[in-house]
Each structure stands twice: as C-alpha cells, then as structure tokens.
C-alpha cells in the first residue's frame, strides 16, 4: 500500500469546506492525531508549500512570533482562483492583427491582438465561444509592452494609470485612480474611445 503523504493526512482530518477553507490547525494537534509523524516544518513550508500538494488552496502558515520564527500550524483560506486562459478566438485574432494600432496609427507585421481588460476577466475571456471582437484591440508590440507594464503596476497597487502623465486634461473618462473591479475608463482599456471622449468638446483656436 502506498504511503500516505502528510498533505493528504492533513486534508483527511481538516476536511476543507466547499470553499476550500479550514480552521487553523496546530502542527502539535496533527502530530497527536497521527502519532509518529512530524508535521513541524522549516520556514520554507516543507509538506505544506504553496507549490506542493496543497497548491489548489490559499495557505496561511502562522509563525511562533507573529511574522518571525518557525511555522506552528496551517490554515486553508480558500481555493485559489482558476487561472484565466488567455486564448483568443482565431477569427478575432486574424481580424485584429490586420488593423492599425489604436495608439500610434501604424499598420505593420508587429500589430498584436490585445485584451482590452488588463485583468483578463473570466466573464469576458474565459469562454472563447463568447468572446467579441470589441473585447480586443490592435496595438503595436511596443505599445502593448508598455500597456502590460502599466497593467502590472495596477494589479500590484490597485491604482489605475493616470492619463494626465501623457498630457491629457483628465486622468480617466470614468472612475478615478482606484481600481474597483473594472478597467473601463482607463486610457489603456481603449485609447481610441478615450481620445474620442476627451476631444469631443475641442474647439480649434481661432475657429
């Protein structure tokens, strides 16, 4: 019979609920239940590493002295979000890459099919059959690389790109700097729409 791993022993006794959550379990508790097995780990996590058998879960490993010291227990805080597949429907991709970049108005072999939503929202991109061409936009590869950097910063800080940095009179056409579940209103979400909204009241000097 195959030897049961410590991770499987923990799941067996902790019994995660439908959301993948458990109470906090001290390693000493587990060692009292499974006599002869050592659940205490190094700071690296050992059997309960985030990239190990418990990978599907969000793991908390409380330490002896708050933020320092050795791990003393484990708690599952829920299931990790299902990664969003960044696939693009072939017909949409082929149509987008034939268009001109929405920022620098260039048409070349270096046009990429960009997901407008920098967070790759599951509702929009999770099902290829439900994707719409308007959920994507043509961007030159260099422009798309810049957008990815700004989107990455937004994900890390939940602060959206401020278009005033590019010389625009406003930073966003909807919402403000705080990311509240949508990319709409940010310059990078749809540069063409952003420019249309910003310039609709433009009056030429001397006109």
Protein backbone atom coordinates (compact mmCIF):
# COMPACT_ATOMS: atom_id res chain seq x y z
CA UNK A 1 0.00 0.00 0.00
CA UNK A 2 1.35 3.45 -0.94
CA UNK A 3 2.46 5.60 1.98
CA UNK A 4 0.05 8.47 2.65
CA UNK A 5 1.67 11.92 2.44
CA UNK A 6 1.48 14.47 5.24
CA UNK A 7 -0.58 16.74 3.00
CA UNK A 8 -3.16 14.01 2.41
CA UNK A 9 -3.25 13.25 6.14
CA UNK A 10 -3.91 16.92 6.86
CA UNK A 11 -6.72 17.14 4.29
CA UNK A 12 -8.21 13.96 5.69
CA UNK A 13 -8.57 15.41 9.17
CA UNK A 14 -9.04 19.11 8.34
CA UNK A 15 -11.85 18.46 5.84
CA UNK A 16 -11.86 21.70 3.79
CA UNK A 17 -15.37 23.02 3.13
CA UNK A 18 -16.86 23.73 -0.29
CA UNK A 19 -14.90 26.99 -0.49
CA UNK A 20 -11.63 25.26 0.42
CA UNK A 21 -11.46 26.73 3.94
CA UNK A 22 -10.44 25.12 7.23
CA UNK A 23 -9.85 26.29 10.76
CA UNK A 24 -6.28 26.83 11.90
CA UNK A 25 -4.58 23.55 12.83
CA UNK A 26 -1.51 23.48 15.06
CA UNK A 27 1.17 21.03 13.99
CA UNK A 28 1.09 19.66 17.54
CA UNK A 29 -2.59 18.75 17.04
CA UNK A 30 -1.81 16.88 13.85
CA UNK A 31 1.08 15.05 15.50
CA UNK A 32 -1.24 13.93 18.31
CA UNK A 33 -3.66 12.51 15.76
CA UNK A 34 -1.02 10.94 13.53
CA UNK A 35 1.40 9.63 16.14
CA UNK A 36 4.92 9.12 14.83
CA UNK A 37 4.61 11.65 12.01
CA UNK A 38 6.41 15.01 12.11
CA UNK A 39 4.28 17.87 10.78
CA UNK A 40 6.54 20.67 12.03
CA UNK A 41 8.33 22.25 9.07
CA UNK A 42 11.04 24.73 8.27
CA UNK A 43 10.11 28.26 7.24
CA UNK A 44 10.05 27.02 3.64
CA UNK A 45 6.87 25.09 4.29
CA UNK A 46 8.01 21.54 3.58
CA UNK A 47 4.94 19.34 3.02
CA UNK A 48 2.63 22.39 3.04
CA UNK A 49 4.45 24.52 0.47
CA UNK A 50 2.26 26.66 -1.78
CA UNK A 51 3.62 24.86 -4.85
CA UNK A 52 3.20 21.36 -3.42
CA UNK A 53 0.23 19.04 -2.95
CA UNK A 54 -1.82 21.85 -1.41
CA UNK A 55 -1.33 24.05 -4.46
CA UNK A 56 -5.11 24.36 -5.15
CA UNK A 57 -5.51 26.20 -1.82
CA UNK A 58 -4.58 29.59 -0.40
CA UNK A 59 -2.38 28.65 2.55
CA UNK A 60 -1.66 30.51 5.76
CA UNK A 61 1.18 29.24 7.96
CA UNK A 62 1.17 31.19 11.26
CA UNK A 63 4.55 31.63 12.92
CA UNK A 64 5.58 31.31 16.52
CA UNK A 65 6.28 35.01 16.97
CA UNK A 66 3.88 36.64 14.58
CA UNK A 67 5.86 37.48 11.44
CA UNK A 68 9.01 35.70 12.57
CA UNK A 69 10.01 32.36 14.00
CA UNK A 70 9.17 28.85 12.88
CA UNK A 71 5.82 27.75 11.45
CA UNK A 72 3.49 26.39 14.12
CA UNK A 73 0.42 25.49 12.13
CA UNK A 74 -1.58 25.68 8.93
CA UNK A 75 -4.91 27.02 7.77
CA UNK A 76 -6.52 26.89 4.34
CA UNK A 77 -8.15 30.23 3.50
CA UNK A 78 -9.92 29.09 0.34
CA UNK A 79 -9.38 27.82 -3.17
CA UNK A 80 -7.00 29.61 -5.50
CA UNK A 81 -8.77 31.39 -8.38
CA UNK A 82 -8.81 29.35 -11.58
CA UNK A 83 -6.19 30.80 -13.94
CA UNK A 84 -7.70 32.58 -16.90
CA UNK A 85 -6.68 31.09 -20.21
CA UNK A 86 -5.55 33.94 -22.41
CA UNK A 87 -6.64 32.26 -25.61
CA UNK A 88 -8.08 34.34 -28.41
CA UNK A 89 -10.57 33.02 -30.94
CA UNK A 90 -8.70 32.60 -34.26
CA UNK A 91 -11.18 34.63 -36.31
CA UNK A 92 -10.95 37.55 -33.86
CA UNK A 93 -7.16 37.39 -33.75
CA UNK A 94 -6.84 37.33 -37.54
CA UNK A 95 -9.16 40.32 -37.90
CA UNK A 96 -7.49 42.43 -35.19
CA UNK A 97 -3.88 41.99 -36.37
CA UNK A 98 -4.83 43.33 -39.82
CA UNK A 99 -5.89 46.66 -38.31
CA UNK A 100 -3.88 49.75 -37.41
CA UNK A 101 -2.53 50.35 -33.90
CA UNK A 102 -5.04 52.31 -31.82
CA UNK A 103 -2.30 54.47 -30.31
CA UNK A 104 0.32 55.20 -32.99
CA UNK A 105 -1.87 54.56 -36.06
CA UNK A 106 0.68 52.18 -37.55
CA UNK A 107 -0.08 49.12 -39.62
CA UNK A 108 2.65 46.51 -39.71
CA UNK A 109 3.51 42.89 -39.09
CA UNK A 110 4.15 43.88 -35.47
CA UNK A 111 0.50 44.50 -34.60
CA UNK A 112 -0.70 42.38 -31.68
CA UNK A 113 -4.21 41.42 -30.60
CA UNK A 114 -4.52 42.96 -27.14
CA UNK A 115 -7.02 42.02 -24.44
CA UNK A 116 -8.58 45.38 -23.51
CA UNK A 117 -9.19 44.24 -19.93
CA UNK A 118 -5.74 44.04 -18.35
CA UNK A 119 -7.09 41.71 -15.64
CA UNK A 120 -8.30 39.12 -18.20
CA UNK A 121 -11.72 38.98 -16.54
CA UNK A 122 -13.11 35.44 -16.69
CA UNK A 123 -16.60 36.60 -17.68
CA UNK A 124 -15.14 38.24 -20.78
CA UNK A 125 -12.30 35.94 -21.80
CA UNK A 126 -12.95 32.62 -20.05
CA UNK A 127 -15.13 31.14 -22.80
CA UNK A 128 -13.72 31.53 -26.32
CA UNK A 129 -17.15 30.98 -27.87
CA UNK A 130 -18.47 34.12 -26.10
CA UNK A 131 -15.59 36.42 -26.98
CA UNK A 132 -16.42 39.52 -29.04
CA UNK A 133 -14.06 41.43 -31.30
CA UNK A 134 -14.78 44.61 -29.34
CA UNK A 135 -13.15 42.98 -26.29
CA UNK A 136 -9.80 43.26 -28.10
CA UNK A 137 -7.83 45.98 -29.86
CA UNK A 138 -4.84 46.23 -32.22
CA UNK A 139 -1.68 47.57 -30.57
CA UNK A 140 1.86 47.73 -31.93
CA UNK A 141 4.05 45.31 -29.97
CA UNK A 142 5.99 48.16 -28.34
CA UNK A 143 2.77 49.89 -27.29
CA UNK A 144 1.38 46.61 -25.98
CA UNK A 145 4.56 46.06 -23.95
CA UNK A 146 4.09 49.49 -22.35
CA UNK A 147 0.46 48.69 -21.58
CA UNK A 148 1.46 45.42 -19.89
CA UNK A 149 3.84 47.30 -17.60
CA UNK A 150 1.14 49.75 -16.55
CA UNK A 151 -1.41 46.93 -16.08
CA UNK A 152 1.10 45.02 -13.95
CA UNK A 153 1.59 48.08 -11.75
CA UNK A 154 -2.18 48.47 -11.44
CA UNK A 155 -2.55 44.83 -10.36
CA UNK A 156 0.10 45.30 -7.69
CA UNK A 157 -1.23 48.59 -6.33
CA UNK A 158 -4.90 48.72 -7.43
CA UNK A 159 -4.14 52.23 -8.73
CA UNK A 160 -5.03 52.82 -12.36
CA UNK A 161 -2.87 54.59 -14.93
CA UNK A 162 -3.27 58.37 -14.90
CA UNK A 163 -3.52 59.70 -18.46
CA UNK A 164 -2.53 63.18 -17.26
CA UNK A 165 1.00 61.75 -17.42
CA UNK A 166 0.56 61.75 -21.21
CA UNK A 167 -0.66 65.36 -21.29
CA UNK A 168 -4.42 64.74 -21.20
CA UNK A 169 -6.60 67.12 -19.21
CA UNK A 170 -8.13 64.27 -17.20
CA UNK A 171 -6.74 61.00 -15.94
CA UNK A 172 -9.79 58.80 -16.56
CA UNK A 173 -13.05 59.08 -18.55
CA UNK A 174 -14.88 57.01 -15.93
CA UNK A 175 -13.99 56.34 -12.30
CA UNK A 176 -10.74 57.53 -10.78
CA UNK A 177 -7.32 56.17 -9.89
CA UNK A 178 -8.75 53.38 -7.74
CA UNK A 179 -9.33 50.03 -9.42
CA UNK A 180 -12.83 48.96 -8.36
CA UNK A 181 -13.39 45.87 -10.45
CA UNK A 182 -13.26 47.36 -13.93
CA UNK A 183 -10.64 48.69 -16.35
CA UNK A 184 -13.22 50.79 -18.20
CA UNK A 185 -12.33 54.47 -18.08
CA UNK A 186 -8.59 53.90 -18.09
CA UNK A 187 -6.65 55.17 -21.11
CA UNK A 188 -5.16 51.73 -21.77
CA UNK A 189 -8.53 49.97 -21.77
CA UNK A 190 -9.49 51.69 -25.02
CA UNK A 191 -7.19 54.52 -26.21
CA UNK A 192 -9.41 55.31 -29.20
CA UNK A 193 -12.54 55.68 -27.07
CA UNK A 194 -10.55 57.69 -24.54
CA UNK A 195 -9.47 60.14 -27.24
CA UNK A 196 -12.98 60.37 -28.68
CA UNK A 197 -14.45 61.31 -25.30
CA UNK A 198 -11.67 63.74 -24.37
CA UNK A 199 -11.72 65.58 -27.73
CA UNK A 200 -15.48 65.80 -28.32
CA UNK A 201 -15.67 69.35 -26.91
CA UNK A 202 -12.48 70.51 -28.63
CA UNK A 203 -12.66 73.96 -30.18
CA UNK A 204 -9.92 74.92 -32.59
CA UNK A 205 -8.14 78.16 -31.67
CA UNK A 206 -9.19 80.96 -33.96
CA UNK A 207 -12.24 78.97 -35.05
